Amino acid sequence: MKKVINLNRREKLAVTAGAGFVAVFLIFELLVHPVFEKRGQLRERLASRQAALVEMVEMYRQHQVMQANAKRTQNRYALRPAEFTLFSFMDRVAGETGVKQYITYMKPSSSTDETSGTTISYVELKLQDISLKDLTSYLFEVETSENMVRVNRLSISKTGETEGRLSVVMQAEAVDA
């Protein structure tokens, strides 16, 4: 048998309001809240992917710049004479700039980079009793040549013999093509 519960109007209204509240709560918890949560997660993921895209575009731009620099360097190596040696280049420039008479010694050497297999030639030279003007002229010709030579070490000291004269030890390097 079924037992019938008689509720007055106010009790019926309270039960109906409670049932409505539970229904709204369940709809919110089961439908609305997951949608908003998923939407928030999607926004976070979108922001993360946009940041990654910006980073990838910047890396691509840097890669393009590096490729252009590498191509320019290859072209400069191609223009360098096939018989180029750093020692002969340094000696020739010393003769052209008039500093050959100040050279005390020139020591050539080379090393190979184990990771890239590139050979780098070095020439260490000492210039004695040279003027600043002659040294500047020599360094300018070495550093600005199309042969991609750079001075990587330079030690300058005053000589005690004559005013305005210098003693210089320098090391130049060039990558062998």
Protein backbone atom coordinates (compact mmCIF):
# COMPACT_ATOMS: atom_id res chain seq x y z
CA MET A 1 0.00 0.00 0.00
CA LYS A 2 0.89 3.46 -0.71
CA LYS A 3 1.00 5.99 1.98
CA VAL A 4 -0.05 9.46 0.93
CA ILE A 5 1.65 12.36 2.56
CA ASN A 6 -0.45 15.44 2.91
CA LEU A 7 1.52 18.64 2.84
CA ASN A 8 0.14 22.07 3.29
CA ARG A 9 0.75 24.78 0.74
CA ARG A 10 3.81 26.24 2.42
CA GLU A 11 5.47 22.79 2.78
CA LYS A 12 4.71 22.01 -0.87
CA LEU A 13 6.32 25.31 -1.86
CA ALA A 14 9.42 24.55 0.25
CA VAL A 15 9.77 21.03 -1.24
CA THR A 16 9.30 22.39 -4.76
CA ALA A 17 11.88 25.15 -4.15
CA GLY A 18 14.33 22.58 -2.73
CA ALA A 19 13.81 20.26 -5.68
CA GLY A 20 14.26 23.20 -8.05
CA PHE A 21 17.46 24.23 -6.27
CA VAL A 22 18.82 20.67 -6.49
CA ALA A 23 17.87 20.51 -10.19
CA VAL A 24 19.59 23.85 -10.92
CA PHE A 25 22.62 22.77 -8.89
CA LEU A 26 22.89 19.46 -10.80
CA ILE A 27 22.47 21.18 -14.17
CA PHE A 28 25.19 23.68 -13.22
CA GLU A 29 27.57 20.99 -11.90
CA LEU A 30 26.99 18.51 -14.72
CA LEU A 31 26.63 20.83 -17.72
CA VAL A 32 27.59 24.46 -17.19
CA HIS A 33 30.63 24.13 -14.92
CA PRO A 34 32.45 21.56 -17.16
CA VAL A 35 31.85 23.76 -20.21
CA PHE A 36 33.40 26.81 -18.49
CA GLU A 37 36.26 24.70 -17.12
CA LYS A 38 36.98 23.24 -20.55
CA ARG A 39 36.78 26.72 -22.06
CA GLY A 40 39.37 27.99 -19.56
CA GLN A 41 41.67 25.08 -20.34
CA LEU A 42 41.30 25.74 -24.07
CA ARG A 43 42.16 29.41 -23.56
CA GLU A 44 45.29 28.47 -21.60
CA ARG A 45 46.30 25.98 -24.27
CA LEU A 46 45.65 28.57 -27.00
CA ALA A 47 47.80 31.16 -25.19
CA SER A 48 50.56 28.58 -24.77
CA ARG A 49 50.43 27.61 -28.43
CA GLN A 50 50.40 31.26 -29.52
CA ALA A 51 53.51 31.90 -27.42
CA ALA A 52 55.15 28.85 -28.98
CA LEU A 53 54.23 30.11 -32.44
CA VAL A 54 55.74 33.53 -31.73
CA GLU A 55 58.90 31.81 -30.49
CA MET A 56 59.04 29.59 -33.58
CA VAL A 57 58.61 32.58 -35.90
CA GLU A 58 61.46 34.38 -34.09
CA MET A 59 63.65 31.28 -34.32
CA TYR A 60 62.83 30.98 -38.03
CA ARG A 61 63.82 34.62 -38.54
CA GLN A 62 67.10 34.04 -36.69
CA HIS A 63 67.69 30.92 -38.77
CA GLN A 64 67.15 32.90 -41.98
CA VAL A 65 69.65 35.55 -40.81
CA MET A 66 72.19 32.85 -39.93
CA GLN A 67 71.72 31.18 -43.32
CA ALA A 68 72.23 34.50 -45.09
CA ASN A 69 75.40 35.13 -43.05
CA ALA A 70 76.66 31.62 -43.81
CA LYS A 71 76.00 32.14 -47.52
CA ARG A 72 77.80 35.50 -47.44
CA THR A 73 80.75 33.86 -45.67
CA GLN A 74 80.86 31.03 -48.23
CA ASN A 75 80.88 33.60 -51.03
CA ARG A 76 83.76 35.45 -49.37
CA TYR A 77 85.71 32.19 -49.04
CA ALA A 78 85.05 31.47 -52.70
CA LEU A 79 86.56 34.85 -53.63
CA ARG A 80 89.71 34.21 -51.59
CA PRO A 81 92.61 32.96 -53.75
CA ALA A 82 93.04 29.18 -53.68
CA GLU A 83 96.72 29.50 -52.76
CA PHE A 84 95.95 31.76 -49.77
CA THR A 85 97.99 31.15 -46.64
CA LEU A 86 97.81 33.32 -43.56
CA PHE A 87 101.60 33.51 -43.20
CA SER A 88 102.15 34.80 -46.72
CA PHE A 89 99.22 37.20 -46.39
CA MET A 90 100.59 38.72 -43.16
CA ASP A 91 104.06 38.99 -44.72
CA ARG A 92 102.71 40.59 -47.92
CA VAL A 93 100.63 43.16 -45.99
CA ALA A 94 103.67 43.96 -43.83
CA GLY A 95 105.63 44.71 -47.01
CA GLU A 96 102.81 46.80 -48.49
CA THR A 97 102.37 48.91 -45.34
CA GLY A 98 106.11 49.31 -44.72
CA VAL A 99 106.27 47.52 -41.38
CA LYS A 100 108.28 44.50 -42.54
CA GLN A 101 111.49 46.01 -41.17
CA TYR A 102 109.95 46.06 -37.65
CA ILE A 103 109.12 42.33 -37.59
CA THR A 104 111.30 40.44 -35.13
CA TYR A 105 109.66 37.07 -35.71
CA MET A 106 106.65 35.39 -37.33
CA LYS A 107 105.48 31.98 -36.07
CA PRO A 108 102.82 30.11 -38.03
CA SER A 109 100.70 27.37 -36.45
CA SER A 110 97.31 25.75 -36.95
CA SER A 111 94.70 23.76 -35.08
CA THR A 112 91.66 21.73 -36.04
CA ASP A 113 88.30 22.12 -34.35
CA GLU A 114 87.25 18.59 -33.39
CA THR A 115 83.52 19.23 -33.60
CA SER A 116 83.39 20.92 -37.02
CA GLY A 117 86.63 19.62 -38.53
CA THR A 118 87.59 23.18 -39.49
CA THR A 119 91.27 24.07 -39.59
CA ILE A 120 92.27 27.45 -38.22
CA SER A 121 95.64 28.96 -39.11
CA TYR A 122 97.45 31.28 -36.71
CA VAL A 123 100.41 33.59 -37.14
CA GLU A 124 102.04 35.14 -34.11
CA LEU A 125 104.36 38.01 -34.85
CA LYS A 126 106.38 40.52 -32.92
CA LEU A 127 106.94 44.07 -34.09
CA GLN A 128 109.76 46.01 -32.38
CA ASP A 129 110.19 49.83 -32.29
CA ILE A 130 107.13 50.49 -34.49
CA SER A 131 105.23 53.78 -34.46
CA LEU A 132 101.56 53.89 -33.58
CA LYS A 133 100.74 55.19 -37.06
CA ASP A 134 102.51 52.27 -38.78
CA LEU A 135 100.89 49.76 -36.40
CA THR A 136 97.45 51.23 -37.02
CA SER A 137 97.98 51.10 -40.77
CA TYR A 138 99.05 47.46 -40.60
CA LEU A 139 96.17 46.42 -38.35
CA PHE A 140 93.68 48.22 -40.57
CA GLU A 141 94.89 46.39 -43.70
CA VAL A 142 94.81 43.02 -41.94
CA GLU A 143 91.38 43.42 -40.38
CA THR A 144 89.62 44.96 -43.41
CA SER A 145 90.94 42.60 -46.05
CA GLU A 146 88.53 40.43 -48.02
CA ASN A 147 90.45 37.36 -46.83
CA MET A 148 88.56 37.17 -43.51
CA VAL A 149 91.59 37.49 -41.24
CA ARG A 150 91.16 38.77 -37.71
CA VAL A 151 93.56 39.75 -34.99
CA ASN A 152 92.51 37.80 -31.93
CA ARG A 153 95.31 38.79 -29.57
CA LEU A 154 97.28 42.01 -29.31
CA SER A 155 99.79 43.10 -26.67
CA ILE A 156 101.29 46.57 -26.91
CA SER A 157 104.00 48.03 -24.71
CA LYS A 158 106.19 51.12 -24.87
CA THR A 159 109.82 50.57 -25.68
CA GLY A 160 112.33 52.41 -23.55
CA GLU A 161 114.69 53.27 -26.39
CA THR A 162 112.81 55.91 -28.39
CA GLU A 163 109.82 58.11 -27.55
CA GLY A 164 106.63 57.11 -29.36
CA ARG A 165 107.87 53.65 -30.31
CA LEU A 166 106.06 50.47 -29.40
CA SER A 167 106.75 46.79 -28.98
CA VAL A 168 103.84 44.67 -30.22
CA VAL A 169 103.07 40.97 -30.03
CA MET A 170 99.98 39.95 -31.96
CA GLN A 171 98.26 36.83 -33.14
CA ALA A 172 96.10 36.72 -36.25
CA GLU A 173 93.86 33.88 -37.33
CA ALA A 174 92.02 32.75 -40.42
CA VAL A 175 89.83 29.77 -41.14
CA ASP A 176 91.23 27.60 -43.88
CA ALA A 177 88.76 27.06 -46.68
